[in-house]
Amino acid sequence: MKTLGPEDIRFTRKEPNRLSAILSDGAVLEDVQIASLFPLRNPESILSVYQGTGSDRAEVGLVVEFESFSQEQQQMLRDYLAFSHFLPEIVEVMRIMHSAGVDEWNVVTDRGSKVFYLSDARNNIVVSDDGILLITDTDKCRYRITDYRRMRGRSQLLVERALP
């Protein structure tokens, strides 16, 4: 796979959350998409740059030295990733109620209060060795807890009880 540095590609913003790219040979790529290969642990370490979707998806290359890009380019990519990988951080768990095989989570996220529903915790809560939780609710919305072991008192207790 081709690695891309600032001499190979320059990103431009067409709309608030749409990118284009200009390659070193002058080719312009419209509707370029960026995906982090490690979105939870190190979202800026390796980025896949691609164009298209589904079977028409073509990878342009990998950005492996994010910090080599200008501050402006880095911020543009951070903004794009923040939008495309919308992943609210749960900062406090107020209540988890179980009823008829579904858990109702009442939480506070970094984007405000939220109530969501979770079924089958074993398949919808992923726990990493370092305490990161990735939770997918019944509507396929995802939430993250960076380290449930560092949550305050009751929140930590509620999360530990809900773990598969």
Protein backbone atom coordinates (compact mmCIF):
# COMPACT_ATOMS: atom_id res chain seq x y z
CA MET A 1 0.00 0.00 0.00
CA LYS A 2 1.24 3.45 -0.86
CA THR A 3 2.08 5.74 2.04
CA LEU A 4 1.08 9.38 1.68
CA GLY A 5 2.97 12.34 3.04
CA PRO A 6 2.44 16.08 2.62
CA GLU A 7 4.50 15.97 -0.60
CA ASP A 8 2.08 13.36 -2.05
CA ILE A 9 -1.33 14.74 -1.14
CA ARG A 10 -2.99 17.98 -0.05
CA PHE A 11 -6.51 17.97 1.36
CA THR A 12 -9.08 20.66 0.67
CA ARG A 13 -12.47 21.18 2.24
CA LYS A 14 -15.37 21.42 -0.19
CA GLU A 15 -18.11 21.66 2.42
CA PRO A 16 -17.90 21.50 6.19
CA ASN A 17 -17.54 17.71 6.20
CA ARG A 18 -16.53 16.80 2.66
CA LEU A 19 -12.95 16.56 1.53
CA SER A 20 -11.20 16.61 -1.80
CA ALA A 21 -7.53 15.93 -2.39
CA ILE A 22 -4.88 17.09 -4.81
CA LEU A 23 -2.19 14.53 -5.58
CA SER A 24 1.43 15.37 -6.38
CA ASP A 25 0.81 14.70 -10.09
CA GLY A 26 -1.96 17.35 -10.10
CA ALA A 27 -4.88 14.87 -10.11
CA VAL A 28 -7.88 16.09 -8.14
CA LEU A 29 -9.89 13.52 -6.20
CA GLU A 30 -13.42 14.53 -5.22
CA ASP A 31 -15.26 13.21 -2.16
CA VAL A 32 -12.23 11.69 -0.49
CA GLN A 33 -12.89 9.87 2.75
CA ILE A 34 -10.59 9.29 5.69
CA ALA A 35 -10.80 6.44 8.20
CA SER A 36 -8.62 5.84 11.21
CA LEU A 37 -7.29 2.30 11.42
CA PHE A 38 -7.09 2.59 15.23
CA PRO A 39 -10.01 4.90 16.12
CA LEU A 40 -10.13 4.07 19.83
CA ARG A 41 -6.53 3.81 20.96
CA ASN A 42 -4.67 6.10 18.56
CA PRO A 43 -6.97 7.78 16.04
CA GLU A 44 -4.20 9.75 14.30
CA SER A 45 -1.60 6.98 13.99
CA ILE A 46 -2.58 5.50 10.60
CA LEU A 47 -5.28 6.94 8.35
CA SER A 48 -6.71 5.25 5.29
CA VAL A 49 -7.47 7.65 2.45
CA TYR A 50 -10.03 6.31 -0.01
CA GLN A 51 -12.59 7.32 -2.57
CA GLY A 52 -15.98 5.77 -3.25
CA THR A 53 -18.12 3.36 -1.26
CA GLY A 54 -18.94 -0.34 -1.25
CA SER A 55 -17.54 -2.29 -4.19
CA ASP A 56 -16.55 1.02 -5.86
CA ARG A 57 -14.29 1.91 -2.92
CA ALA A 58 -10.67 2.46 -3.94
CA GLU A 59 -7.93 3.11 -1.42
CA VAL A 60 -5.63 5.97 -2.39
CA GLY A 61 -3.07 5.25 0.32
CA LEU A 62 -2.19 5.47 4.00
CA VAL A 63 -1.16 8.49 6.03
CA VAL A 64 1.34 7.04 8.52
CA GLU A 65 3.09 10.24 9.64
CA PHE A 66 0.17 12.48 10.55
CA GLU A 67 2.41 14.98 12.35
CA SER A 68 4.40 15.64 9.14
CA PHE A 69 1.39 17.48 7.68
CA SER A 70 0.91 21.20 8.33
CA GLN A 71 -1.15 22.27 11.34
CA GLU A 72 -3.92 23.40 8.97
CA GLN A 73 -4.01 20.00 7.24
CA GLN A 74 -3.92 18.16 10.58
CA GLN A 75 -6.84 20.19 11.91
CA MET A 76 -8.84 19.60 8.73
CA LEU A 77 -8.33 15.84 9.11
CA ARG A 78 -9.16 15.96 12.85
CA ASP A 79 -12.38 17.84 12.12
CA TYR A 80 -13.32 15.30 9.45
CA LEU A 81 -12.59 12.35 11.74
CA ALA A 82 -14.54 13.90 14.62
CA PHE A 83 -17.56 14.26 12.36
CA SER A 84 -17.35 10.89 10.64
CA HIS A 85 -16.52 8.91 13.78
CA PHE A 86 -19.18 10.46 15.96
CA LEU A 87 -18.55 8.59 19.19
CA PRO A 88 -19.92 10.27 22.30
CA GLU A 89 -17.89 9.67 25.44
CA ILE A 90 -19.94 8.48 28.43
CA VAL A 91 -18.69 10.43 31.43
CA GLU A 92 -21.29 9.36 33.99
CA VAL A 93 -23.86 6.58 34.25
CA MET A 94 -26.94 7.75 36.11
CA ARG A 95 -28.99 4.55 35.95
CA ILE A 96 -29.25 1.23 34.14
CA MET A 97 -32.65 -0.44 34.33
CA HIS A 98 -33.35 -3.94 33.05
CA SER A 99 -36.76 -4.85 31.64
CA ALA A 100 -37.85 -7.65 29.29
CA GLY A 101 -34.33 -8.44 28.08
CA VAL A 102 -33.42 -4.83 27.30
CA ASP A 103 -31.32 -2.49 29.40
CA GLU A 104 -32.20 1.20 29.51
CA TRP A 105 -29.07 3.29 30.03
CA ASN A 106 -29.48 6.81 31.38
CA VAL A 107 -26.10 8.50 30.93
CA VAL A 108 -24.30 11.81 30.66
CA THR A 109 -21.97 12.08 27.65
CA ASP A 110 -19.52 14.76 26.59
CA ARG A 111 -22.38 15.99 24.39
CA GLY A 112 -25.11 16.01 27.05
CA SER A 113 -27.59 13.64 28.68
CA LYS A 114 -28.81 10.62 26.75
CA VAL A 115 -31.08 7.62 27.24
CA PHE A 116 -30.43 4.60 25.03
CA TYR A 117 -31.39 0.93 24.97
CA LEU A 118 -29.09 -2.05 24.87
CA SER A 119 -29.92 -5.67 24.23
CA ASP A 120 -27.50 -8.58 24.43
CA ALA A 121 -24.60 -6.95 26.25
CA ARG A 122 -22.33 -9.87 25.32
CA ASN A 123 -22.48 -8.87 21.64
CA ASN A 124 -22.93 -5.12 22.04
CA ILE A 125 -20.31 -4.18 24.62
CA VAL A 126 -16.69 -4.62 23.61
CA VAL A 127 -14.15 -4.39 26.43
CA SER A 128 -10.45 -3.94 25.73
CA ASP A 129 -7.68 -5.00 28.10
CA ASP A 130 -7.00 -1.38 29.03
CA GLY A 131 -10.58 -0.66 30.09
CA ILE A 132 -11.95 0.95 26.93
CA LEU A 133 -15.61 0.10 26.34
CA LEU A 134 -17.36 0.40 23.00
CA ILE A 135 -21.13 0.14 23.38
CA THR A 136 -23.57 -0.25 20.48
CA ASP A 137 -27.22 0.42 21.29
CA THR A 138 -30.34 -1.03 19.65
CA ASP A 139 -30.35 1.81 17.08
CA LYS A 140 -26.71 0.99 16.13
CA CYS A 141 -25.45 4.23 17.72
CA ARG A 142 -22.08 3.79 19.39
CA TYR A 143 -20.76 5.17 22.66
CA ARG A 144 -17.37 4.98 24.29
CA ILE A 145 -16.03 4.86 27.82
CA THR A 146 -12.29 5.54 27.81
CA ASP A 147 -11.60 3.67 31.07
CA TYR A 148 -14.57 2.44 33.07
CA ARG A 149 -12.20 1.59 35.95
CA ARG A 150 -11.58 5.32 36.48
CA MET A 151 -15.24 6.34 36.60
CA ARG A 152 -16.55 7.79 39.83
CA GLY A 153 -18.21 5.52 42.42
CA ARG A 154 -21.71 4.59 41.36
CA SER A 155 -21.00 4.96 37.63
CA GLN A 156 -18.20 2.42 37.81
CA LEU A 157 -20.35 0.02 39.84
CA LEU A 158 -23.24 0.24 37.36
CA VAL A 159 -20.97 -0.36 34.39
CA GLU A 160 -19.25 -3.34 36.03
CA ARG A 161 -22.65 -4.93 36.72
CA ALA A 162 -23.64 -4.45 33.07
CA LEU A 163 -20.51 -5.99 31.58
CA PRO A 164 -20.87 -9.33 29.82
